[in-house]
């Protein structure tokens, strides 16, 4: 299943970069591959995190495809995603990506 997860993730990234959309049907194979090795956090942590995620998404106009993808990942792999080391690495990768995007002069808009 890790191969299916990797291939589906690569496909979602390519489609998102090209069209700035994540189709709902592309999340289904990802969900199926992740449900096999599910590690959801406690109900209280999951509810609080999903509420915060959807609130921030709606307030700041984050794409709903991104919100649905993060919700799926939180539901099925939340214990790993909410781990401090994972969040720290995600922030590091995002910072480097933003730096290079600004360095190339493309700005922060898609």
C-alpha atoms as a PDB file:
ATOM      1  CA  UNK A   1       0.000   0.000   0.000  1.00  0.00           C
ATOM      2  CA  UNK A   2       2.853   2.512   0.460  1.00  0.00           C
ATOM      3  CA  UNK A   3       3.388   2.407  -3.312  1.00  0.00           C
ATOM      4  CA  UNK A   4      -0.282   3.280  -3.944  1.00  0.00           C
ATOM      5  CA  UNK A   5      -0.049   6.083  -1.380  1.00  0.00           C
ATOM      6  CA  UNK A   6       3.088   7.456  -3.020  1.00  0.00           C
ATOM      7  CA  UNK A   7       1.719   7.257  -6.566  1.00  0.00           C
ATOM      8  CA  UNK A   8      -1.596   8.823  -5.578  1.00  0.00           C
ATOM      9  CA  UNK A   9       0.202  11.606  -3.707  1.00  0.00           C
ATOM     10  CA  UNK A  10       2.430  12.341  -6.695  1.00  0.00           C
ATOM     11  CA  UNK A  11      -0.617  12.457  -8.969  1.00  0.00           C
ATOM     12  CA  UNK A  12      -2.458  14.830  -6.596  1.00  0.00           C
ATOM     13  CA  UNK A  13       0.624  17.104  -6.440  1.00  0.00           C
ATOM     14  CA  UNK A  14       0.948  17.253 -10.217  1.00  0.00           C
ATOM     15  CA  UNK A  15      -2.753  17.996 -10.740  1.00  0.00           C
ATOM     16  CA  UNK A  16      -2.714  20.613  -7.961  1.00  0.00           C
ATOM     17  CA  UNK A  17       0.342  22.388  -9.371  1.00  0.00           C
ATOM     18  CA  UNK A  18      -1.078  22.455 -12.899  1.00  0.00           C
ATOM     19  CA  UNK A  19      -4.723  23.308 -12.221  1.00  0.00           C
ATOM     20  CA  UNK A  20      -4.784  24.525  -8.580  1.00  0.00           C
ATOM     21  CA  UNK A  21      -7.552  21.983  -7.951  1.00  0.00           C
ATOM     22  CA  UNK A  22      -7.639  18.651  -6.147  1.00  0.00           C
ATOM     23  CA  UNK A  23     -10.453  16.524  -7.585  1.00  0.00           C
ATOM     24  CA  UNK A  24     -12.586  14.628  -5.067  1.00  0.00           C
ATOM     25  CA  UNK A  25     -12.198  11.360  -6.957  1.00  0.00           C
ATOM     26  CA  UNK A  26      -8.397  11.512  -6.561  1.00  0.00           C
ATOM     27  CA  UNK A  27      -8.781  11.458  -2.774  1.00  0.00           C
ATOM     28  CA  UNK A  28     -10.540   8.061  -2.838  1.00  0.00           C
ATOM     29  CA  UNK A  29      -7.457   5.945  -3.740  1.00  0.00           C
ATOM     30  CA  UNK A  30      -5.457   7.908  -1.175  1.00  0.00           C
ATOM     31  CA  UNK A  31      -8.063   7.208   1.495  1.00  0.00           C
ATOM     32  CA  UNK A  32      -8.143   3.507   0.613  1.00  0.00           C
ATOM     33  CA  UNK A  33      -4.375   3.212   0.833  1.00  0.00           C
ATOM     34  CA  UNK A  34      -4.210   5.091   4.149  1.00  0.00           C
ATOM     35  CA  UNK A  35      -7.098   3.303   5.858  1.00  0.00           C
ATOM     36  CA  UNK A  36      -5.053   0.086   5.937  1.00  0.00           C
ATOM     37  CA  UNK A  37      -2.524   1.665   8.294  1.00  0.00           C
ATOM     38  CA  UNK A  38      -4.789   4.113  10.091  1.00  0.00           C
ATOM     39  CA  UNK A  39      -3.535   5.947  13.193  1.00  0.00           C
ATOM     40  CA  UNK A  40      -6.141   8.521  14.166  1.00  0.00           C
ATOM     41  CA  UNK A  41      -5.671  10.652  17.289  1.00  0.00           C
ATOM     42  CA  UNK A  42      -8.207  10.814  20.100  1.00  0.00           C
ATOM     43  CA  UNK A  43     -11.694  12.070  19.237  1.00  0.00           C
ATOM     44  CA  UNK A  44     -11.186  15.303  21.210  1.00  0.00           C
ATOM     45  CA  UNK A  45      -7.886  16.154  19.473  1.00  0.00           C
ATOM     46  CA  UNK A  46      -9.305  15.213  16.082  1.00  0.00           C
ATOM     47  CA  UNK A  47     -12.449  17.331  16.549  1.00  0.00           C
ATOM     48  CA  UNK A  48     -10.477  20.349  17.769  1.00  0.00           C
ATOM     49  CA  UNK A  49      -7.933  20.080  14.942  1.00  0.00           C
ATOM     50  CA  UNK A  50     -10.545  19.642  12.205  1.00  0.00           C
ATOM     51  CA  UNK A  51     -12.595  22.568  13.555  1.00  0.00           C
ATOM     52  CA  UNK A  52      -9.498  24.767  13.603  1.00  0.00           C
ATOM     53  CA  UNK A  53      -8.462  23.611  10.116  1.00  0.00           C
ATOM     54  CA  UNK A  54     -11.872  24.291   8.546  1.00  0.00           C
ATOM     55  CA  UNK A  55     -12.214  27.653  10.371  1.00  0.00           C
ATOM     56  CA  UNK A  56      -8.819  28.887   9.185  1.00  0.00           C
ATOM     57  CA  UNK A  57      -9.554  27.582   5.685  1.00  0.00           C
ATOM     58  CA  UNK A  58     -12.845  29.429   5.451  1.00  0.00           C
ATOM     59  CA  UNK A  59     -11.553  32.644   7.058  1.00  0.00           C
ATOM     60  CA  UNK A  60      -8.434  32.943   4.901  1.00  0.00           C
ATOM     61  CA  UNK A  61      -9.789  31.523   1.654  1.00  0.00           C
ATOM     62  CA  UNK A  62      -7.625  28.414   1.522  1.00  0.00           C
ATOM     63  CA  UNK A  63      -8.671  26.122  -1.323  1.00  0.00           C
ATOM     64  CA  UNK A  64     -11.256  23.543  -0.290  1.00  0.00           C
ATOM     65  CA  UNK A  65      -9.271  20.817  -2.059  1.00  0.00           C
ATOM     66  CA  UNK A  66      -6.408  21.504   0.340  1.00  0.00           C
ATOM     67  CA  UNK A  67      -8.785  21.477   3.318  1.00  0.00           C
ATOM     68  CA  UNK A  68     -10.343  18.167   2.213  1.00  0.00           C
ATOM     69  CA  UNK A  69      -6.905  16.639   1.673  1.00  0.00           C
ATOM     70  CA  UNK A  70      -5.670  17.730   5.100  1.00  0.00           C
ATOM     71  CA  UNK A  71      -8.922  16.524   6.700  1.00  0.00           C
ATOM     72  CA  UNK A  72      -8.465  13.116   5.095  1.00  0.00           C
ATOM     73  CA  UNK A  73      -4.878  12.925   6.298  1.00  0.00           C
ATOM     74  CA  UNK A  74      -5.896  13.966   9.818  1.00  0.00           C
ATOM     75  CA  UNK A  75      -8.708  11.412   9.946  1.00  0.00           C
ATOM     76  CA  UNK A  76      -6.542   8.527   8.814  1.00  0.00           C
ATOM     77  CA  UNK A  77      -2.996   9.458   9.870  1.00  0.00           C
ATOM     78  CA  UNK A  78      -3.593  12.173  12.463  1.00  0.00           C
ATOM     79  CA  UNK A  79      -1.320  10.749  15.134  1.00  0.00           C
ATOM     80  CA  UNK A  80       1.649  10.949  12.793  1.00  0.00           C
ATOM     81  CA  UNK A  81       0.726  14.322  11.269  1.00  0.00           C
ATOM     82  CA  UNK A  82       0.176  16.006  14.635  1.00  0.00           C
ATOM     83  CA  UNK A  83       3.585  14.815  15.822  1.00  0.00           C
ATOM     84  CA  UNK A  84       5.874  17.779  16.570  1.00  0.00           C
ATOM     85  CA  UNK A  85       8.718  16.497  14.382  1.00  0.00           C
ATOM     86  CA  UNK A  86       6.395  16.105  11.401  1.00  0.00           C
ATOM     87  CA  UNK A  87       5.013  19.629  11.849  1.00  0.00           C
ATOM     88  CA  UNK A  88       8.524  21.031  12.220  1.00  0.00           C
ATOM     89  CA  UNK A  89       9.678  19.322   9.009  1.00  0.00           C
ATOM     90  CA  UNK A  90       6.536  20.469   7.156  1.00  0.00           C
ATOM     91  CA  UNK A  91       7.209  24.081   8.213  1.00  0.00           C
ATOM     92  CA  UNK A  92      10.835  23.765   7.113  1.00  0.00           C
ATOM     93  CA  UNK A  93       9.877  22.429   3.671  1.00  0.00           C
ATOM     94  CA  UNK A  94       7.185  25.107   3.281  1.00  0.00           C
ATOM     95  CA  UNK A  95       9.661  27.857   4.246  1.00  0.00           C
ATOM     96  CA  UNK A  96      12.282  26.660   1.753  1.00  0.00           C
ATOM     97  CA  UNK A  97       9.634  26.375  -0.977  1.00  0.00           C
ATOM     98  CA  UNK A  98       8.331  29.896  -0.296  1.00  0.00           C
ATOM     99  CA  UNK A  99      11.884  31.254  -0.232  1.00  0.00           C
ATOM    100  CA  UNK A 100      12.694  29.812  -3.664  1.00  0.00           C
ATOM    101  CA  UNK A 101       9.348  30.913  -5.059  1.00  0.00           C
ATOM    102  CA  UNK A 102      10.024  34.490  -3.921  1.00  0.00           C
ATOM    103  CA  UNK A 103      13.620  34.280  -5.142  1.00  0.00           C
ATOM    104  CA  UNK A 104      12.380  33.336  -8.616  1.00  0.00           C
ATOM    105  CA  UNK A 105      10.108  36.394  -8.565  1.00  0.00           C
ATOM    106  CA  UNK A 106       6.809  34.550  -8.915  1.00  0.00           C
ATOM    107  CA  UNK A 107       5.290  35.959  -5.734  1.00  0.00           C
ATOM    108  CA  UNK A 108       3.075  34.048  -3.346  1.00  0.00           C
ATOM    109  CA  UNK A 109      -0.006  33.752  -5.524  1.00  0.00           C
ATOM    110  CA  UNK A 110      -0.615  30.476  -7.388  1.00  0.00           C
END
